[in-house]
Protein backbone atom coordinates (compact mmCIF):
# COMPACT_ATOMS: atom_id res chain seq x y z
CA MET A 1 4.26 3.15 9.33
CA ALA A 2 5.70 6.21 7.56
CA ASP A 3 9.26 4.98 8.09
CA CYS A 4 8.78 1.51 6.59
CA GLN A 5 9.93 0.49 3.12
CA VAL A 6 7.25 0.55 0.43
CA SER A 7 8.12 -3.05 -0.45
CA ASP A 8 7.18 -4.02 3.12
CA ILE A 9 3.47 -3.32 2.50
CA ARG A 10 3.08 -5.88 -0.30
CA GLY A 11 0.93 -8.72 1.00
CA LEU A 12 -0.57 -6.73 3.89
CA PRO A 13 -4.35 -6.60 4.31
CA VAL A 14 -6.24 -3.39 3.47
CA ILE A 15 -9.04 -2.83 5.97
CA LEU A 16 -11.70 -0.15 5.48
CA PRO A 17 -12.58 2.20 8.37
CA ASP A 18 -15.79 0.24 8.99
CA GLY A 19 -13.76 -2.93 9.56
CA ARG A 20 -14.39 -4.68 6.22
CA LEU A 21 -11.46 -6.34 4.49
CA LEU A 22 -10.93 -4.76 1.06
CA GLY A 23 -8.14 -7.11 -0.03
CA THR A 24 -4.38 -7.50 0.03
CA VAL A 25 -1.78 -5.07 -1.31
CA HIS A 26 -0.62 -6.47 -4.64
CA ASP A 27 1.64 -3.73 -6.01
CA THR A 28 2.62 -0.08 -5.58
CA VAL A 29 3.53 2.83 -7.86
CA ILE A 30 6.49 4.97 -6.86
CA GLU A 31 6.82 8.59 -7.96
CA THR A 32 10.57 8.93 -8.55
CA ASP A 33 10.79 12.72 -8.27
CA GLY A 34 10.17 12.61 -4.52
CA TRP A 35 10.40 8.81 -4.04
CA ARG A 36 6.86 8.61 -2.65
CA CYS A 37 4.29 5.89 -3.02
CA THR A 38 1.50 7.36 -5.14
CA HIS A 39 -0.76 4.33 -5.72
CA VAL A 40 -1.46 1.02 -3.99
CA PHE A 41 -3.12 -1.74 -6.03
CA VAL A 42 -5.50 -4.08 -4.22
CA PRO A 43 -7.06 -6.79 -6.42
């Protein structure tokens, strides 16, 4: 998963370690100094 594009995770489900569905990835925040994803928003 580390090699995928950040835009590829939008719409994917977020599942907690205990198996519960938290929600779906709505948006991301990119830190431009190192081009890393710093936040994932799940409504």
